[in-house]
Amino acid sequence: MSFSYYNMRKHRRNFRNITGLTIEEFEKVVEKVRSGWEKLEKQKKCHGRR
């Protein structure tokens, strides 16, 4: 079973049960870590690959 953010967002109660956060709290966390996450993801990619 897999979960997507956009699907879980429709079910606020389940989202809270799974993550322990409200959607608003989760979005604040995402904004704080996004730049660092993207930087690490770029480092994982091999040159010449998309």
N, C-alpha and C. Protein backbone atom coordinates (compact mmCIF):
# COMPACT_ATOMS: atom_id res chain seq x y z
N MET A 1 0.85 -1.17 0.00
CA MET A 1 0.00 0.00 0.00
C MET A 1 0.90 1.23 0.00
N SER A 2 0.57 2.18 -0.85
CA SER A 2 1.34 3.42 -0.87
C SER A 2 0.42 4.60 -0.64
N PHE A 3 1.01 5.66 -0.17
CA PHE A 3 0.27 6.88 0.13
C PHE A 3 0.89 8.02 -0.64
N SER A 4 0.06 8.87 -1.18
CA SER A 4 0.58 10.09 -1.77
C SER A 4 0.07 11.26 -0.93
N TYR A 5 0.86 12.29 -0.89
CA TYR A 5 0.48 13.47 -0.12
C TYR A 5 -0.86 14.02 -0.62
N TYR A 6 -1.01 14.09 -1.93
CA TYR A 6 -2.22 14.68 -2.48
C TYR A 6 -3.46 13.85 -2.19
N ASN A 7 -3.31 12.54 -2.15
CA ASN A 7 -4.44 11.68 -1.82
C ASN A 7 -4.75 11.76 -0.32
N MET A 8 -3.72 11.71 0.51
CA MET A 8 -3.93 11.76 1.96
C MET A 8 -4.45 13.12 2.41
N ARG A 9 -4.12 14.14 1.68
CA ARG A 9 -4.57 15.49 2.03
C ARG A 9 -6.10 15.58 2.05
N LYS A 10 -6.73 14.76 1.26
CA LYS A 10 -8.19 14.75 1.19
C LYS A 10 -8.81 14.15 2.45
N HIS A 11 -8.03 13.40 3.19
CA HIS A 11 -8.52 12.70 4.38
C HIS A 11 -7.73 13.18 5.59
N ARG A 12 -8.09 14.35 6.08
CA ARG A 12 -7.34 15.03 7.15
C ARG A 12 -7.14 14.16 8.39
N ARG A 13 -8.15 13.45 8.78
CA ARG A 13 -8.05 12.64 10.00
C ARG A 13 -7.02 11.52 9.83
N ASN A 14 -7.06 10.84 8.69
CA ASN A 14 -6.09 9.78 8.42
C ASN A 14 -4.68 10.36 8.32
N PHE A 15 -4.56 11.52 7.69
CA PHE A 15 -3.26 12.18 7.57
C PHE A 15 -2.68 12.42 8.95
N ARG A 16 -3.49 12.94 9.85
CA ARG A 16 -3.04 13.22 11.22
C ARG A 16 -2.67 11.93 11.94
N ASN A 17 -3.45 10.87 11.77
CA ASN A 17 -3.16 9.60 12.42
C ASN A 17 -1.84 9.00 11.93
N ILE A 18 -1.55 9.15 10.66
CA ILE A 18 -0.34 8.56 10.08
C ILE A 18 0.90 9.39 10.41
N THR A 19 0.79 10.71 10.29
CA THR A 19 1.98 11.57 10.45
C THR A 19 2.12 12.17 11.84
N GLY A 20 1.02 12.27 12.55
CA GLY A 20 1.05 12.95 13.84
C GLY A 20 0.98 14.46 13.70
N LEU A 21 0.79 14.94 12.47
CA LEU A 21 0.74 16.37 12.19
C LEU A 21 -0.53 16.72 11.43
N THR A 22 -0.96 17.96 11.60
CA THR A 22 -2.02 18.45 10.73
C THR A 22 -1.39 18.76 9.38
N ILE A 23 -2.21 18.96 8.39
CA ILE A 23 -1.69 19.29 7.06
C ILE A 23 -0.93 20.61 7.11
N GLU A 24 -1.44 21.56 7.86
CA GLU A 24 -0.78 22.86 7.98
C GLU A 24 0.59 22.72 8.64
N GLU A 25 0.67 21.92 9.70
CA GLU A 25 1.95 21.69 10.38
C GLU A 25 2.94 20.99 9.45
N PHE A 26 2.45 20.02 8.70
CA PHE A 26 3.29 19.28 7.76
C PHE A 26 3.85 20.22 6.69
N GLU A 27 3.02 21.10 6.17
CA GLU A 27 3.48 22.04 5.14
C GLU A 27 4.55 22.98 5.68
N LYS A 28 4.45 23.37 6.95
CA LYS A 28 5.49 24.22 7.55
C LYS A 28 6.81 23.47 7.64
N VAL A 29 6.75 22.21 8.01
CA VAL A 29 7.97 21.39 8.08
C VAL A 29 8.58 21.25 6.69
N VAL A 30 7.75 21.00 5.70
CA VAL A 30 8.23 20.86 4.32
C VAL A 30 8.97 22.12 3.88
N GLU A 31 8.42 23.28 4.15
CA GLU A 31 9.06 24.53 3.75
C GLU A 31 10.42 24.71 4.42
N LYS A 32 10.54 24.26 5.66
CA LYS A 32 11.81 24.40 6.38
C LYS A 32 12.90 23.48 5.83
N VAL A 33 12.53 22.31 5.36
CA VAL A 33 13.55 21.33 4.93
C VAL A 33 13.71 21.23 3.42
N ARG A 34 12.85 21.88 2.66
CA ARG A 34 12.84 21.73 1.20
C ARG A 34 14.18 22.03 0.54
N SER A 35 14.80 23.16 0.86
CA SER A 35 16.04 23.52 0.17
C SER A 35 17.15 22.52 0.47
N GLY A 36 17.26 22.08 1.70
CA GLY A 36 18.26 21.07 2.04
C GLY A 36 17.99 19.75 1.36
N TRP A 37 16.74 19.36 1.29
CA TRP A 37 16.35 18.11 0.63
C TRP A 37 16.70 18.16 -0.85
N GLU A 38 16.35 19.25 -1.51
CA GLU A 38 16.63 19.38 -2.93
C GLU A 38 18.14 19.35 -3.20
N LYS A 39 18.90 19.96 -2.33
CA LYS A 39 20.36 19.96 -2.48
C LYS A 39 20.90 18.54 -2.38
N LEU A 40 20.43 17.77 -1.43
CA LEU A 40 20.87 16.38 -1.28
C LEU A 40 20.43 15.53 -2.46
N GLU A 41 19.25 15.76 -2.97
CA GLU A 41 18.76 15.00 -4.12
C GLU A 41 19.62 15.26 -5.35
N LYS A 42 20.06 16.49 -5.55
CA LYS A 42 20.92 16.82 -6.68
C LYS A 42 22.26 16.09 -6.58
N GLN A 43 22.77 15.92 -5.37
CA GLN A 43 24.04 15.24 -5.16
C GLN A 43 23.94 13.76 -5.50
N LYS A 44 22.77 13.18 -5.36
CA LYS A 44 22.58 11.75 -5.62
C LYS A 44 22.57 11.42 -7.10
N LYS A 45 22.25 12.39 -7.94
CA LYS A 45 22.14 12.13 -9.37
C LYS A 45 23.51 12.03 -10.02
N CYS A 46 23.66 11.10 -10.92
CA CYS A 46 24.90 10.92 -11.67
C CYS A 46 24.94 11.91 -12.83
N HIS A 47 26.13 12.36 -13.17
CA HIS A 47 26.28 13.26 -14.31
C HIS A 47 25.83 12.54 -15.57
N GLY A 48 25.15 13.25 -16.43
CA GLY A 48 24.69 12.68 -17.68
C GLY A 48 23.34 11.99 -17.57
N ARG A 49 22.82 11.89 -16.37
CA ARG A 49 21.50 11.27 -16.19
C ARG A 49 20.49 12.34 -15.82
N ARG A 50 19.27 12.08 -16.16
CA ARG A 50 18.20 13.04 -15.84
C ARG A 50 17.54 12.70 -14.55
